[in-house]
Amino acid sequence: MVNNLDIKKGLAACWGLKTFSRDVLEKIHAATLDVLRSTGVRVDSEEALGILDKGGCQVNKKTAVVKFPDHLVMQALSMCPSQLLLAGRNKENDFLMGGRAVGFTTFGTGVQTEDLETGKIRDSTKGDVARIARLTDALEHMDILSSPVAARDKPDASFELHMYEAALLNCTKHYDCDAENGERAHQIIEMAAVVAGGMENLKQRPLLSLCACPTSPLQLIETCADVIVEAAKHWVPINVLSMVMAGATSPISLSGALVTHNAEVLSGIVLAQMTNSGTPVIYGSSSTTFDMRFGTAVVGVPEMAMISAAAADLANFYGLPSYVAGG
């Protein structure tokens, strides 16, 4: 007998949405290479600039703008694993990412929540993080934990360390984690290594992945670049997740937004591979459109769903695992 969960997993493994023809994907790729080669990306990290300079990129040390020759971008993409293990503390909760396999995760990170007892909106706490982690652990359709709220009751200098502790104590699934800078990324990795039984064990079974968000348009600011470098040094999967706002930080057209988005993600991937070739990377997207009436980025709109589907298509074009926000 085949149960409903088996059917769901089978459908998730084979079903897909194709947004573009191969010809259109190649045009977006060519336009992206042109941007990376001729316009470049600003990289505000001395360590990252040194890595990219040594790797053969054209680095302007006065402006911190890096230009990426085509062959180096393609070489970096060829080094990326097409599949990667997102390990859980419980092996039954491992998730193999890549290809057409589809998994689901919670998404973050909000700074307020509705109190379930009073019904009032308040700042979220470490206790909220712990309760959501425990709930995620119990939900069989959730494969990965990414905390939807932040530990606002903890110091700014260490709140994400408290969040990871809450996740470790309450969830046996893989944790997709934010880090404010390279130093705190290193501390989080050390926490994971203790649980895994050492850095080498963590490399074989990564219990967490780190997320780094470029700043649109076309910037890897210091904190983002340093998190990418720190993750790559320790072979921790790094999710390079662009948050382009079409009409504000990129052209308003879908194709123009995707070229900007793609250039930002690929620049982060090149940095990861030049730091440590073969680093597991994830092609990420939380890009959406800009509401010009209210001056806000909007989610839950058709345009975001279109960008997310297109980003997943681009990831498949490159043979990379993808992580996209829902629309």
Protein backbone atom coordinates (compact mmCIF):
# COMPACT_ATOMS: atom_id res chain seq x y z
CA MET A 1 0.00 0.00 0.00
CA VAL A 2 1.26 3.50 -0.88
CA ASN A 3 0.41 6.17 1.67
CA ASN A 4 -0.31 9.83 0.96
CA LEU A 5 3.14 10.94 2.09
CA ASP A 6 4.78 8.59 -0.44
CA ILE A 7 2.58 10.04 -3.19
CA LYS A 8 3.44 13.58 -2.10
CA LYS A 9 7.17 12.85 -2.15
CA GLY A 10 6.91 11.22 -5.57
CA LEU A 11 5.09 14.21 -7.02
CA ALA A 12 7.54 16.61 -5.41
CA ALA A 13 10.42 14.78 -7.00
CA CYS A 14 9.05 14.94 -10.56
CA TRP A 15 6.79 17.98 -10.86
CA GLY A 16 8.20 21.29 -12.05
CA LEU A 17 7.25 24.67 -13.52
CA LYS A 18 9.17 25.80 -16.59
CA THR A 19 9.05 29.56 -17.01
CA PHE A 20 11.51 30.10 -19.85
CA SER A 21 12.77 28.36 -22.95
CA ARG A 22 16.43 27.39 -23.12
CA ASP A 23 16.99 30.26 -25.55
CA VAL A 24 15.63 32.86 -23.11
CA LEU A 25 17.69 31.44 -20.23
CA GLU A 26 20.81 31.70 -22.36
CA LYS A 27 19.99 35.35 -23.14
CA ILE A 28 19.57 36.16 -19.43
CA HIS A 29 22.84 34.35 -18.74
CA ALA A 30 24.65 36.30 -21.48
CA ALA A 31 23.28 39.60 -20.17
CA THR A 32 24.37 38.65 -16.65
CA LEU A 33 27.91 37.89 -17.81
CA ASP A 34 27.98 41.27 -19.54
CA VAL A 35 26.99 43.03 -16.28
CA LEU A 36 29.57 41.12 -14.25
CA ARG A 37 32.27 41.76 -16.85
CA SER A 38 31.62 45.41 -17.69
CA THR A 39 29.78 46.94 -14.69
CA GLY A 40 30.95 44.68 -11.90
CA VAL A 41 29.91 44.35 -8.26
CA ARG A 42 31.00 46.47 -5.31
CA VAL A 43 32.63 44.30 -2.62
CA ASP A 44 33.16 46.06 0.73
CA SER A 45 35.43 43.50 2.39
CA GLU A 46 39.22 43.60 2.37
CA GLU A 47 39.49 39.84 2.78
CA ALA A 48 37.00 39.17 -0.02
CA LEU A 49 38.71 41.67 -2.33
CA GLY A 50 42.02 39.91 -1.71
CA ILE A 51 40.50 36.52 -2.54
CA LEU A 52 38.91 37.80 -5.74
CA ASP A 53 42.07 39.64 -6.78
CA LYS A 54 44.18 36.52 -6.27
CA GLY A 55 41.58 34.49 -8.18
CA GLY A 56 41.99 36.62 -11.29
CA CYS A 57 39.13 39.12 -11.07
CA GLN A 58 39.71 42.77 -11.95
CA VAL A 59 39.70 44.60 -8.60
CA ASN A 60 39.65 48.38 -8.33
CA LYS A 61 40.95 48.95 -4.81
CA LYS A 62 39.89 52.61 -4.78
CA THR A 63 36.25 52.00 -5.62
CA ALA A 64 36.05 48.38 -4.33
CA VAL A 65 34.36 47.44 -7.61
CA VAL A 66 35.18 43.95 -8.88
CA LYS A 67 34.72 42.86 -12.48
CA PHE A 68 34.37 39.19 -13.25
CA PRO A 69 35.74 37.73 -16.51
CA ASP A 70 33.37 35.26 -18.16
CA HIS A 71 35.68 32.27 -17.85
CA LEU A 72 36.06 32.73 -14.09
CA VAL A 73 32.31 32.82 -13.59
CA MET A 74 31.88 29.64 -15.62
CA GLN A 75 34.77 27.97 -13.83
CA ALA A 76 33.23 28.76 -10.45
CA LEU A 77 29.88 27.35 -11.54
CA SER A 78 31.57 24.15 -12.68
CA MET A 79 32.99 23.68 -9.17
CA CYS A 80 29.60 23.80 -7.42
CA PRO A 81 28.01 20.51 -6.31
CA SER A 82 24.72 19.86 -8.09
CA GLN A 83 23.32 18.17 -4.98
CA LEU A 84 24.03 18.77 -1.34
CA LEU A 85 23.04 17.22 1.94
CA LEU A 86 21.20 19.38 4.43
CA ALA A 87 21.67 17.15 7.44
CA GLY A 88 19.46 17.01 10.49
CA ARG A 89 20.54 16.01 13.99
CA ASN A 90 18.25 13.07 13.41
CA LYS A 91 19.33 11.31 10.18
CA GLU A 92 15.69 10.56 9.42
CA ASN A 93 15.30 14.31 8.86
CA ASP A 94 18.13 14.64 6.32
CA PHE A 95 17.16 16.46 3.14
CA LEU A 96 19.03 15.95 -0.14
CA MET A 97 18.79 19.17 -2.10
CA GLY A 98 19.16 19.43 -5.87
CA GLY A 99 17.61 18.59 -9.21
CA ARG A 100 13.83 18.69 -9.28
CA ALA A 101 13.35 17.56 -5.67
CA VAL A 102 11.06 19.93 -3.77
CA GLY A 103 11.22 20.56 -0.04
CA PHE A 104 9.54 23.05 2.28
CA THR A 105 10.83 25.34 4.99
CA THR A 106 9.60 27.98 7.36
CA PHE A 107 10.82 31.45 6.39
CA GLY A 108 12.09 34.48 8.27
CA THR A 109 12.92 36.63 9.84
CA GLY A 110 10.18 38.75 11.41
CA VAL A 111 10.71 40.86 14.51
CA GLN A 112 7.17 40.77 15.92
CA THR A 113 4.55 38.13 16.57
CA GLU A 114 1.00 37.79 17.83
CA ASP A 115 0.88 36.62 21.43
CA LEU A 116 -1.32 33.52 21.44
CA GLU A 117 -2.57 34.22 24.97
CA THR A 118 -3.31 37.96 24.77
CA GLY A 119 -3.84 38.37 21.03
CA LYS A 120 -1.59 41.44 21.07
CA ILE A 121 1.28 42.15 18.68
CA ARG A 122 4.64 42.25 20.49
CA ASP A 123 8.34 41.86 19.85
CA SER A 124 9.28 38.21 19.32
CA THR A 125 11.47 36.42 21.87
CA LYS A 126 13.83 33.48 22.20
CA GLY A 127 10.91 31.56 23.68
CA ASP A 128 8.95 32.12 20.46
CA VAL A 129 11.91 30.85 18.45
CA ALA A 130 12.02 27.71 20.60
CA ARG A 131 8.28 27.03 20.31
CA ILE A 132 8.31 27.45 16.53
CA ALA A 133 11.35 25.17 16.29
CA ARG A 134 9.53 22.48 18.24
CA LEU A 135 6.44 22.87 16.06
CA THR A 136 8.55 22.65 12.89
CA ASP A 137 10.16 19.47 14.22
CA ALA A 138 6.71 17.90 14.55
CA LEU A 139 5.40 18.95 11.11
CA GLU A 140 6.22 16.15 8.67
CA HIS A 141 5.78 18.38 5.61
CA MET A 142 8.46 20.82 6.82
CA ASP A 143 11.94 19.66 5.80
CA ILE A 144 14.09 22.56 7.03
CA LEU A 145 13.87 25.11 9.84
CA SER A 146 14.46 28.79 9.19
CA SER A 147 13.24 30.76 12.17
CA PRO A 148 10.28 32.96 11.22
CA VAL A 149 10.95 35.31 14.15
CA ALA A 150 13.98 36.78 15.94
CA ALA A 151 15.06 36.65 19.59
CA ARG A 152 14.42 40.34 20.21
CA ASP A 153 14.84 39.90 23.97
CA LYS A 154 18.53 39.04 23.55
CA PRO A 155 21.47 41.43 22.92
CA ASP A 156 22.04 42.65 19.38
CA ALA A 157 25.60 41.33 19.63
CA SER A 158 24.51 37.72 20.11
CA PHE A 159 20.81 37.24 19.32
CA GLU A 160 21.37 34.79 16.45
CA LEU A 161 23.56 32.62 18.71
CA HIS A 162 20.63 32.38 21.12
CA MET A 163 18.35 31.54 18.19
CA TYR A 164 20.60 28.68 17.11
CA GLU A 165 20.69 27.34 20.67
CA ALA A 166 16.89 27.38 20.73
CA ALA A 167 16.80 25.58 17.38
CA LEU A 168 19.29 22.91 18.48
CA LEU A 169 17.38 22.17 21.68
CA ASN A 170 13.97 21.97 20.04
CA CYS A 171 14.37 20.75 16.45
CA THR A 172 16.20 17.80 14.90
CA LYS A 173 15.91 19.15 11.35
CA HIS A 174 18.44 21.14 9.35
CA TYR A 175 18.68 24.83 10.27
CA ASP A 176 19.09 27.58 7.67
CA CYS A 177 20.68 30.36 9.66
CA ASP A 178 21.37 34.09 9.34
CA ALA A 179 24.54 35.67 10.74
CA GLU A 180 25.12 39.39 11.17
CA ASN A 181 28.81 39.21 10.22
CA GLY A 182 31.75 36.90 9.64
CA GLU A 183 32.73 36.68 13.31
CA ARG A 184 29.28 35.54 14.39
CA ALA A 185 29.10 33.14 11.45
CA HIS A 186 32.30 31.58 12.81
CA GLN A 187 30.75 31.30 16.30
CA ILE A 188 27.63 29.64 14.92
CA ILE A 189 29.75 27.18 12.94
CA GLU A 190 31.70 26.36 16.12
CA MET A 191 28.40 25.65 17.92
CA ALA A 192 27.35 23.30 15.13
CA ALA A 193 30.74 21.57 15.18
CA VAL A 194 30.38 20.80 18.89
CA VAL A 195 27.04 19.10 18.24
CA ALA A 196 28.36 17.29 15.15
CA GLY A 197 31.43 16.00 16.98
CA GLY A 198 34.04 18.19 15.34
CA MET A 199 34.65 20.27 12.22
CA GLU A 200 35.39 17.24 10.03
CA ASN A 201 32.10 15.61 11.04
CA LEU A 202 30.31 18.88 10.35
CA LYS A 203 31.83 18.95 6.87
CA GLN A 204 30.48 15.45 6.19
CA ARG A 205 27.09 16.14 7.78
CA PRO A 206 26.35 19.90 7.73
CA LEU A 207 23.73 20.50 10.41
CA LEU A 208 23.25 24.08 9.32
CA SER A 209 23.55 26.28 6.28
CA LEU A 210 24.24 30.01 6.32
CA CYS A 211 22.38 32.65 4.36
CA ALA A 212 24.04 35.72 2.86
CA CYS A 213 22.06 38.46 1.13
CA PRO A 214 23.70 40.78 -1.42
CA THR A 215 22.59 44.41 -1.23
CA SER A 216 20.83 45.50 -4.41
CA PRO A 217 21.85 46.80 -6.76
CA LEU A 218 25.09 44.87 -7.25
CA GLN A 219 26.80 45.00 -3.86
CA LEU A 220 28.36 42.44 -1.55
CA ILE A 221 28.65 44.58 1.56
CA GLU A 222 31.22 43.65 4.18
CA THR A 223 28.94 41.59 6.41
CA CYS A 224 27.55 39.59 3.46
CA ALA A 225 30.95 38.94 1.88
CA ASP A 226 32.52 37.91 5.18
CA VAL A 227 29.72 35.42 5.92
CA ILE A 228 30.25 33.85 2.47
CA VAL A 229 34.00 33.57 3.09
CA GLU A 230 33.55 32.13 6.59
CA ALA A 231 31.06 29.50 5.38
CA ALA A 232 33.31 28.51 2.48
CA LYS A 233 36.36 28.13 4.73
CA HIS A 234 34.53 25.46 6.73
CA TRP A 235 32.63 23.79 3.89
CA VAL A 236 29.29 24.93 5.33
CA PRO A 237 26.57 25.29 2.67
CA ILE A 238 26.01 28.95 1.83
CA ASN A 239 22.71 30.24 0.50
CA VAL A 240 23.42 33.34 -1.63
CA LEU A 241 19.99 34.93 -1.62
CA SER A 242 19.28 38.09 -3.59
CA MET A 243 16.44 40.40 -2.54
CA VAL A 244 16.06 42.57 -5.63
CA MET A 245 13.07 44.92 -5.71
CA ALA A 246 11.93 45.33 -9.31
CA GLY A 247 11.29 48.99 -9.98
CA ALA A 248 13.47 50.19 -7.10
CA THR A 249 16.82 48.38 -6.98
CA SER A 250 16.60 46.88 -10.47
CA PRO A 251 14.78 47.52 -13.74
CA ILE A 252 11.04 47.00 -13.33
CA SER A 253 10.80 44.39 -16.09
CA LEU A 254 10.97 40.72 -15.16
CA SER A 255 13.97 40.14 -17.40
CA GLY A 256 15.84 43.20 -16.09
CA ALA A 257 15.17 42.24 -12.47
CA LEU A 258 16.39 38.71 -13.13
CA VAL A 259 19.64 39.90 -14.69
CA THR A 260 20.39 42.04 -11.62
CA HIS A 261 19.34 39.20 -9.32
CA ASN A 262 21.44 36.68 -11.23
CA ALA A 263 24.54 38.89 -11.23
CA GLU A 264 24.35 39.32 -7.45
CA VAL A 265 23.94 35.60 -6.76
CA LEU A 266 26.68 34.57 -9.19
CA SER A 267 29.12 37.10 -7.71
CA GLY A 268 28.60 35.51 -4.28
CA ILE A 269 29.04 32.04 -5.74
CA VAL A 270 32.32 33.05 -7.39
CA LEU A 271 33.56 34.40 -4.05
CA ALA A 272 32.64 31.15 -2.31
CA GLN A 273 34.42 28.98 -4.89
CA MET A 274 37.53 31.18 -4.94
CA THR A 275 37.66 30.89 -1.15
CA ASN A 276 37.36 27.11 -1.19
CA SER A 277 36.68 25.29 -4.45
CA GLY A 278 33.81 22.85 -4.23
CA THR A 279 32.00 24.74 -1.48
CA PRO A 280 28.31 23.69 -1.45
CA VAL A 281 26.23 26.67 -2.54
CA ILE A 282 22.52 27.33 -2.88
CA TYR A 283 21.00 29.67 -5.47
CA GLY A 284 18.64 31.79 -3.37
CA SER A 285 15.85 34.23 -4.13
CA SER A 286 13.59 36.45 -2.10
CA SER A 287 13.33 38.97 -4.92
CA THR A 288 10.03 40.66 -5.56
CA THR A 289 8.53 43.82 -6.96
CA PHE A 290 8.28 47.30 -5.43
CA ASP A 291 4.97 48.91 -4.53
CA MET A 292 5.44 52.51 -5.67
CA ARG A 293 2.28 53.71 -3.91
CA PHE A 294 3.49 52.78 -0.45
CA GLY A 295 7.26 52.50 -0.94
CA THR A 296 7.44 48.87 0.19
CA ALA A 297 8.61 45.51 -1.06
CA VAL A 298 5.57 43.27 -1.41
CA VAL A 299 5.16 39.52 -1.01
CA GLY A 300 2.22 37.30 -1.83
CA VAL A 301 1.84 38.97 -5.24
CA PRO A 302 1.92 37.39 -8.71
CA GLU A 303 5.16 39.17 -9.61
CA MET A 304 7.03 37.52 -6.73
CA ALA A 305 5.74 34.10 -7.73
CA MET A 306 6.94 34.74 -11.29
CA ILE A 307 10.40 35.86 -10.14
CA SER A 308 10.70 32.89 -7.77
CA ALA A 309 9.76 30.42 -10.50
CA ALA A 310 12.21 32.07 -12.88
CA ALA A 311 14.98 32.00 -10.27
CA ALA A 312 14.44 28.26 -9.77
CA ASP A 313 14.60 27.84 -13.54
CA LEU A 314 17.92 29.70 -13.64
CA ALA A 315 19.27 27.52 -10.83
CA ASN A 316 18.34 24.42 -12.84
CA PHE A 317 20.01 25.99 -15.88
CA TYR A 318 23.25 26.15 -13.87
CA GLY A 319 22.75 22.78 -12.22
CA LEU A 320 22.48 24.33 -8.75
CA PRO A 321 20.13 23.63 -5.83
CA SER A 322 17.70 26.50 -5.31
CA TYR A 323 15.92 28.11 -2.38
CA VAL A 324 13.10 30.47 -3.32
CA ALA A 325 10.47 32.41 -1.39
CA GLY A 326 6.82 31.66 -1.95
CA GLY A 327 4.66 34.08 -3.84
